[in-house]
Amino acid sequence: MIVLRKIFFTIIPLSVLLVYNFGCNYKFNQASVPPEIKTVRVQYIENKARYQNQQLSPQLTDKLRQKIVSQTKLTQVNNENADFDISGFISQYDVTTSAISDQQVATNRLTVAVNITLVNRKTPGAEPKNYSVSRSFDFSATLTLPQAEQRLNDEMIRNLTDEIFNKIFSDW
């Protein structure tokens, strides 16, 4: 019983201390935002890849905006006065063979890469931060690229959005 009391009275104060010390940044789902950052602008993510998936840019941009607003306390703005200004472009959208079976292509791999730039206007003299995100998605070689894109679209958008979000908001 005495041991339990010692543990209880040691753990509770330590827990309060840890919460207090880490309270200077707020965190949601591993997102950490400096307290002075209040607004964000997510510019349209352009598609500069050789192959143009017409749905990818607008859907990725929209999903990233939604994720930032729903998982942080940042307010979305559409002007140049945002505390965080996020821009980027799709730099790669390529299909390659990833598996061969009985001397025939069995699986193809779609690789998508996105380059993101974060400008922090609240920190004087801060250099823009550049992030590169690349994800691969395998699909059966019996599918055409448009068929594969249709099946993979939600997964591509979700994974790329999560990866971009984590790169930006876990760096603080």
C-alpha atoms as a PDB file:
ATOM      1  CA  MET A   1       0.000   0.000   0.000  1.00  0.00           C
ATOM      2  CA  ILE A   2       2.820   2.417   0.869  1.00  0.00           C
ATOM      3  CA  VAL A   3       4.575   1.592  -2.395  1.00  0.00           C
ATOM      4  CA  LEU A   4       1.405   2.385  -4.335  1.00  0.00           C
ATOM      5  CA  ARG A   5       1.076   5.756  -2.584  1.00  0.00           C
ATOM      6  CA  LYS A   6       4.685   6.632  -3.387  1.00  0.00           C
ATOM      7  CA  ILE A   7       4.167   5.701  -7.009  1.00  0.00           C
ATOM      8  CA  PHE A   8       0.890   7.631  -7.155  1.00  0.00           C
ATOM      9  CA  PHE A   9       2.337  10.760  -5.557  1.00  0.00           C
ATOM     10  CA  THR A  10       5.403  10.586  -7.797  1.00  0.00           C
ATOM     11  CA  ILE A  11       3.636   9.950 -11.102  1.00  0.00           C
ATOM     12  CA  ILE A  12       0.886  12.580 -10.721  1.00  0.00           C
ATOM     13  CA  PRO A  13       3.250  15.526 -10.105  1.00  0.00           C
ATOM     14  CA  LEU A  14       5.536  14.376 -12.913  1.00  0.00           C
ATOM     15  CA  SER A  15       2.577  14.081 -15.270  1.00  0.00           C
ATOM     16  CA  VAL A  16       1.410  17.602 -14.404  1.00  0.00           C
ATOM     17  CA  LEU A  17       4.923  18.921 -14.887  1.00  0.00           C
ATOM     18  CA  LEU A  18       5.246  17.256 -18.308  1.00  0.00           C
ATOM     19  CA  VAL A  19       1.875  18.589 -19.477  1.00  0.00           C
ATOM     20  CA  TYR A  20       2.818  22.065 -18.270  1.00  0.00           C
ATOM     21  CA  ASN A  21       6.245  22.046 -19.952  1.00  0.00           C
ATOM     22  CA  PHE A  22       4.935  20.762 -23.262  1.00  0.00           C
ATOM     23  CA  GLY A  23       1.979  23.134 -23.201  1.00  0.00           C
ATOM     24  CA  CYS A  24       3.788  25.880 -25.098  1.00  0.00           C
ATOM     25  CA  ASN A  25       2.876  24.286 -28.454  1.00  0.00           C
ATOM     26  CA  TYR A  26      -0.473  22.728 -29.072  1.00  0.00           C
ATOM     27  CA  LYS A  27      -0.573  19.297 -30.644  1.00  0.00           C
ATOM     28  CA  PHE A  28      -3.231  17.297 -32.434  1.00  0.00           C
ATOM     29  CA  ASN A  29      -2.490  13.933 -34.011  1.00  0.00           C
ATOM     30  CA  GLN A  30       1.242  14.622 -33.746  1.00  0.00           C
ATOM     31  CA  ALA A  31       0.750  18.100 -35.250  1.00  0.00           C
ATOM     32  CA  SER A  32       2.743  20.765 -33.506  1.00  0.00           C
ATOM     33  CA  VAL A  33       2.267  24.436 -34.257  1.00  0.00           C
ATOM     34  CA  PRO A  34       4.164  27.284 -32.605  1.00  0.00           C
ATOM     35  CA  PRO A  35       1.694  29.328 -30.530  1.00  0.00           C
ATOM     36  CA  GLU A  36       2.363  32.540 -32.458  1.00  0.00           C
ATOM     37  CA  ILE A  37       1.136  30.956 -35.711  1.00  0.00           C
ATOM     38  CA  LYS A  38      -2.582  31.675 -36.161  1.00  0.00           C
ATOM     39  CA  THR A  39      -3.279  31.674 -39.911  1.00  0.00           C
ATOM     40  CA  VAL A  40      -2.370  29.546 -42.921  1.00  0.00           C
ATOM     41  CA  ARG A  41      -2.701  29.853 -46.665  1.00  0.00           C
ATOM     42  CA  VAL A  42      -2.488  26.725 -48.780  1.00  0.00           C
ATOM     43  CA  GLN A  43      -1.896  27.715 -52.368  1.00  0.00           C
ATOM     44  CA  TYR A  44      -3.008  25.560 -55.268  1.00  0.00           C
ATOM     45  CA  ILE A  45      -0.656  22.598 -55.709  1.00  0.00           C
ATOM     46  CA  GLU A  46       0.231  22.635 -59.406  1.00  0.00           C
ATOM     47  CA  ASN A  47       0.860  19.549 -61.503  1.00  0.00           C
ATOM     48  CA  LYS A  48       4.244  19.903 -63.210  1.00  0.00           C
ATOM     49  CA  ALA A  49       4.740  16.181 -63.803  1.00  0.00           C
ATOM     50  CA  ARG A  50       5.096  14.779 -67.332  1.00  0.00           C
ATOM     51  CA  TYR A  51       1.815  12.918 -67.036  1.00  0.00           C
ATOM     52  CA  GLN A  52      -1.128  15.070 -66.016  1.00  0.00           C
ATOM     53  CA  ASN A  53      -3.741  13.487 -63.768  1.00  0.00           C
ATOM     54  CA  GLN A  54      -6.345  16.254 -63.947  1.00  0.00           C
ATOM     55  CA  GLN A  55      -7.991  15.344 -60.625  1.00  0.00           C
ATOM     56  CA  LEU A  56      -4.884  15.101 -58.476  1.00  0.00           C
ATOM     57  CA  SER A  57      -3.972  18.786 -58.044  1.00  0.00           C
ATOM     58  CA  PRO A  58      -7.375  20.138 -57.023  1.00  0.00           C
ATOM     59  CA  GLN A  59      -8.177  17.167 -54.792  1.00  0.00           C
ATOM     60  CA  LEU A  60      -4.791  17.180 -53.076  1.00  0.00           C
ATOM     61  CA  THR A  61      -4.991  20.937 -52.474  1.00  0.00           C
ATOM     62  CA  ASP A  62      -8.510  20.698 -51.067  1.00  0.00           C
ATOM     63  CA  LYS A  63      -7.744  17.699 -48.836  1.00  0.00           C
ATOM     64  CA  LEU A  64      -4.603  19.372 -47.435  1.00  0.00           C
ATOM     65  CA  ARG A  65      -6.589  22.527 -46.616  1.00  0.00           C
ATOM     66  CA  GLN A  66      -9.280  20.466 -44.899  1.00  0.00           C
ATOM     67  CA  LYS A  67      -6.767  18.464 -42.872  1.00  0.00           C
ATOM     68  CA  ILE A  68      -4.893  21.538 -41.663  1.00  0.00           C
ATOM     69  CA  VAL A  69      -8.066  23.346 -40.605  1.00  0.00           C
ATOM     70  CA  SER A  70      -9.580  20.276 -38.936  1.00  0.00           C
ATOM     71  CA  GLN A  71      -6.447  19.094 -37.095  1.00  0.00           C
ATOM     72  CA  THR A  72      -4.900  22.379 -35.997  1.00  0.00           C
ATOM     73  CA  LYS A  73      -6.229  25.645 -34.611  1.00  0.00           C
ATOM     74  CA  LEU A  74      -5.033  27.511 -37.685  1.00  0.00           C
ATOM     75  CA  THR A  75      -7.455  29.677 -39.639  1.00  0.00           C
ATOM     76  CA  GLN A  76      -7.415  29.389 -43.435  1.00  0.00           C
ATOM     77  CA  VAL A  77      -6.888  32.721 -45.207  1.00  0.00           C
ATOM     78  CA  ASN A  78      -6.477  33.524 -48.882  1.00  0.00           C
ATOM     79  CA  ASN A  79      -4.123  36.485 -48.733  1.00  0.00           C
ATOM     80  CA  GLU A  80      -0.396  37.078 -48.523  1.00  0.00           C
ATOM     81  CA  ASN A  81      -0.553  37.977 -44.820  1.00  0.00           C
ATOM     82  CA  ALA A  82      -0.853  34.358 -43.624  1.00  0.00           C
ATOM     83  CA  ASP A  83       1.533  33.348 -40.843  1.00  0.00           C
ATOM     84  CA  PHE A  84       2.252  30.093 -42.699  1.00  0.00           C
ATOM     85  CA  ASP A  85       2.193  30.151 -46.499  1.00  0.00           C
ATOM     86  CA  ILE A  86       2.240  26.693 -48.085  1.00  0.00           C
ATOM     87  CA  SER A  87       2.820  26.170 -51.792  1.00  0.00           C
ATOM     88  CA  GLY A  88       3.919  23.258 -53.899  1.00  0.00           C
ATOM     89  CA  PHE A  89       3.779  21.205 -57.048  1.00  0.00           C
ATOM     90  CA  ILE A  90       3.501  17.625 -58.196  1.00  0.00           C
ATOM     91  CA  SER A  91       6.922  16.841 -59.644  1.00  0.00           C
ATOM     92  CA  GLN A  92       6.540  13.176 -60.557  1.00  0.00           C
ATOM     93  CA  TYR A  93       3.715  10.944 -61.735  1.00  0.00           C
ATOM     94  CA  ASP A  94       5.252   7.869 -63.356  1.00  0.00           C
ATOM     95  CA  VAL A  95       4.350   4.236 -63.932  1.00  0.00           C
ATOM     96  CA  THR A  96       6.980   1.495 -63.857  1.00  0.00           C
ATOM     97  CA  THR A  97       6.951  -2.272 -63.762  1.00  0.00           C
ATOM     98  CA  SER A  98       7.308  -3.579 -60.215  1.00  0.00           C
ATOM     99  CA  ALA A  99       6.783  -7.344 -60.574  1.00  0.00           C
ATOM    100  CA  ILE A 100       7.142  -9.937 -63.325  1.00  0.00           C
ATOM    101  CA  SER A 101       5.596 -13.393 -63.224  1.00  0.00           C
ATOM    102  CA  ASP A 102       6.065 -16.074 -65.900  1.00  0.00           C
ATOM    103  CA  GLN A 103       7.976 -13.549 -68.031  1.00  0.00           C
ATOM    104  CA  GLN A 104       5.026 -11.136 -68.049  1.00  0.00           C
ATOM    105  CA  VAL A 105       4.363  -7.954 -66.135  1.00  0.00           C
ATOM    106  CA  ALA A 106       2.230  -8.790 -63.100  1.00  0.00           C
ATOM    107  CA  THR A 107       2.279  -5.538 -61.164  1.00  0.00           C
ATOM    108  CA  ASN A 108       2.868  -1.925 -62.051  1.00  0.00           C
ATOM    109  CA  ARG A 109       3.853   0.858 -59.697  1.00  0.00           C
ATOM    110  CA  LEU A 110       2.578   4.414 -59.847  1.00  0.00           C
ATOM    111  CA  THR A 111       4.988   6.810 -58.137  1.00  0.00           C
ATOM    112  CA  VAL A 112       3.814  10.281 -57.180  1.00  0.00           C
ATOM    113  CA  ALA A 113       6.133  12.954 -55.791  1.00  0.00           C
ATOM    114  CA  VAL A 114       5.181  16.363 -54.415  1.00  0.00           C
ATOM    115  CA  ASN A 115       7.471  19.261 -53.501  1.00  0.00           C
ATOM    116  CA  ILE A 116       6.168  21.584 -50.782  1.00  0.00           C
ATOM    117  CA  THR A 117       7.485  24.946 -49.598  1.00  0.00           C
ATOM    118  CA  LEU A 118       6.550  26.431 -46.223  1.00  0.00           C
ATOM    119  CA  VAL A 119       7.126  30.115 -45.583  1.00  0.00           C
ATOM    120  CA  ASN A 120       6.912  31.193 -41.933  1.00  0.00           C
ATOM    121  CA  ARG A 121       6.146  34.925 -41.878  1.00  0.00           C
ATOM    122  CA  LYS A 122       6.081  35.127 -38.066  1.00  0.00           C
ATOM    123  CA  THR A 123       9.750  34.311 -37.628  1.00  0.00           C
ATOM    124  CA  PRO A 124      11.881  37.200 -38.926  1.00  0.00           C
ATOM    125  CA  GLY A 125      14.673  36.001 -41.208  1.00  0.00           C
ATOM    126  CA  ALA A 126      13.375  32.428 -41.349  1.00  0.00           C
ATOM    127  CA  GLU A 127      14.304  30.646 -44.547  1.00  0.00           C
ATOM    128  CA  PRO A 128      11.522  28.834 -46.414  1.00  0.00           C
ATOM    129  CA  LYS A 129      11.435  25.124 -45.623  1.00  0.00           C
ATOM    130  CA  ASN A 130      11.265  22.695 -48.520  1.00  0.00           C
ATOM    131  CA  TYR A 131       9.832  19.219 -48.210  1.00  0.00           C
ATOM    132  CA  SER A 132       9.706  16.376 -50.708  1.00  0.00           C
ATOM    133  CA  VAL A 133       7.111  13.652 -50.425  1.00  0.00           C
ATOM    134  CA  SER A 134       7.075  10.554 -52.603  1.00  0.00           C
ATOM    135  CA  ARG A 135       4.662   7.640 -52.469  1.00  0.00           C
ATOM    136  CA  SER A 136       4.311   4.527 -54.602  1.00  0.00           C
ATOM    137  CA  PHE A 137       1.090   2.668 -55.309  1.00  0.00           C
ATOM    138  CA  ASP A 138       1.086  -0.816 -56.814  1.00  0.00           C
ATOM    139  CA  PHE A 139      -1.658  -2.060 -59.106  1.00  0.00           C
ATOM    140  CA  SER A 140      -2.342  -5.079 -61.275  1.00  0.00           C
ATOM    141  CA  ALA A 141      -0.846  -4.983 -64.761  1.00  0.00           C
ATOM    142  CA  THR A 142      -4.226  -6.121 -66.087  1.00  0.00           C
ATOM    143  CA  LEU A 143      -5.551  -2.618 -65.363  1.00  0.00           C
ATOM    144  CA  THR A 144      -5.081   0.365 -67.635  1.00  0.00           C
ATOM    145  CA  LEU A 145      -3.666   3.507 -66.028  1.00  0.00           C
ATOM    146  CA  PRO A 146      -7.076   5.263 -65.959  1.00  0.00           C
ATOM    147  CA  GLN A 147      -8.599   2.194 -64.281  1.00  0.00           C
ATOM    148  CA  ALA A 148      -5.791   2.083 -61.729  1.00  0.00           C
ATOM    149  CA  GLU A 149      -6.091   5.821 -61.079  1.00  0.00           C
ATOM    150  CA  GLN A 150      -9.783   5.433 -60.420  1.00  0.00           C
ATOM    151  CA  ARG A 151      -9.162   2.640 -57.903  1.00  0.00           C
ATOM    152  CA  LEU A 152      -6.164   4.297 -56.270  1.00  0.00           C
ATOM    153  CA  ASN A 153      -7.392   7.896 -56.208  1.00  0.00           C
ATOM    154  CA  ASP A 154      -8.696   8.020 -52.618  1.00  0.00           C
ATOM    155  CA  GLU A 155      -5.647   6.191 -51.280  1.00  0.00           C
ATOM    156  CA  MET A 156      -3.255   8.484 -53.194  1.00  0.00           C
ATOM    157  CA  ILE A 157      -4.921  11.653 -51.936  1.00  0.00           C
ATOM    158  CA  ARG A 158      -5.146  10.408 -48.338  1.00  0.00           C
ATOM    159  CA  ASN A 159      -1.542   9.130 -48.178  1.00  0.00           C
ATOM    160  CA  LEU A 160       0.004  12.163 -49.854  1.00  0.00           C
ATOM    161  CA  THR A 161      -2.021  14.551 -47.691  1.00  0.00           C
ATOM    162  CA  ASP A 162      -1.017  12.724 -44.509  1.00  0.00           C
ATOM    163  CA  GLU A 163       2.636  12.669 -45.535  1.00  0.00           C
ATOM    164  CA  ILE A 164       2.684  16.394 -46.390  1.00  0.00           C
ATOM    165  CA  PHE A 165       0.849  17.291 -43.182  1.00  0.00           C
ATOM    166  CA  ASN A 166       3.247  15.228 -41.068  1.00  0.00           C
ATOM    167  CA  LYS A 167       6.328  16.734 -42.740  1.00  0.00           C
ATOM    168  CA  ILE A 168       5.108  20.285 -42.137  1.00  0.00           C
ATOM    169  CA  PHE A 169       3.668  19.965 -38.648  1.00  0.00           C
ATOM    170  CA  SER A 170       6.057  17.527 -36.993  1.00  0.00           C
ATOM    171  CA  ASP A 171       9.082  19.721 -37.593  1.00  0.00           C
ATOM    172  CA  TRP A 172       8.512  22.013 -34.632  1.00  0.00           C
END
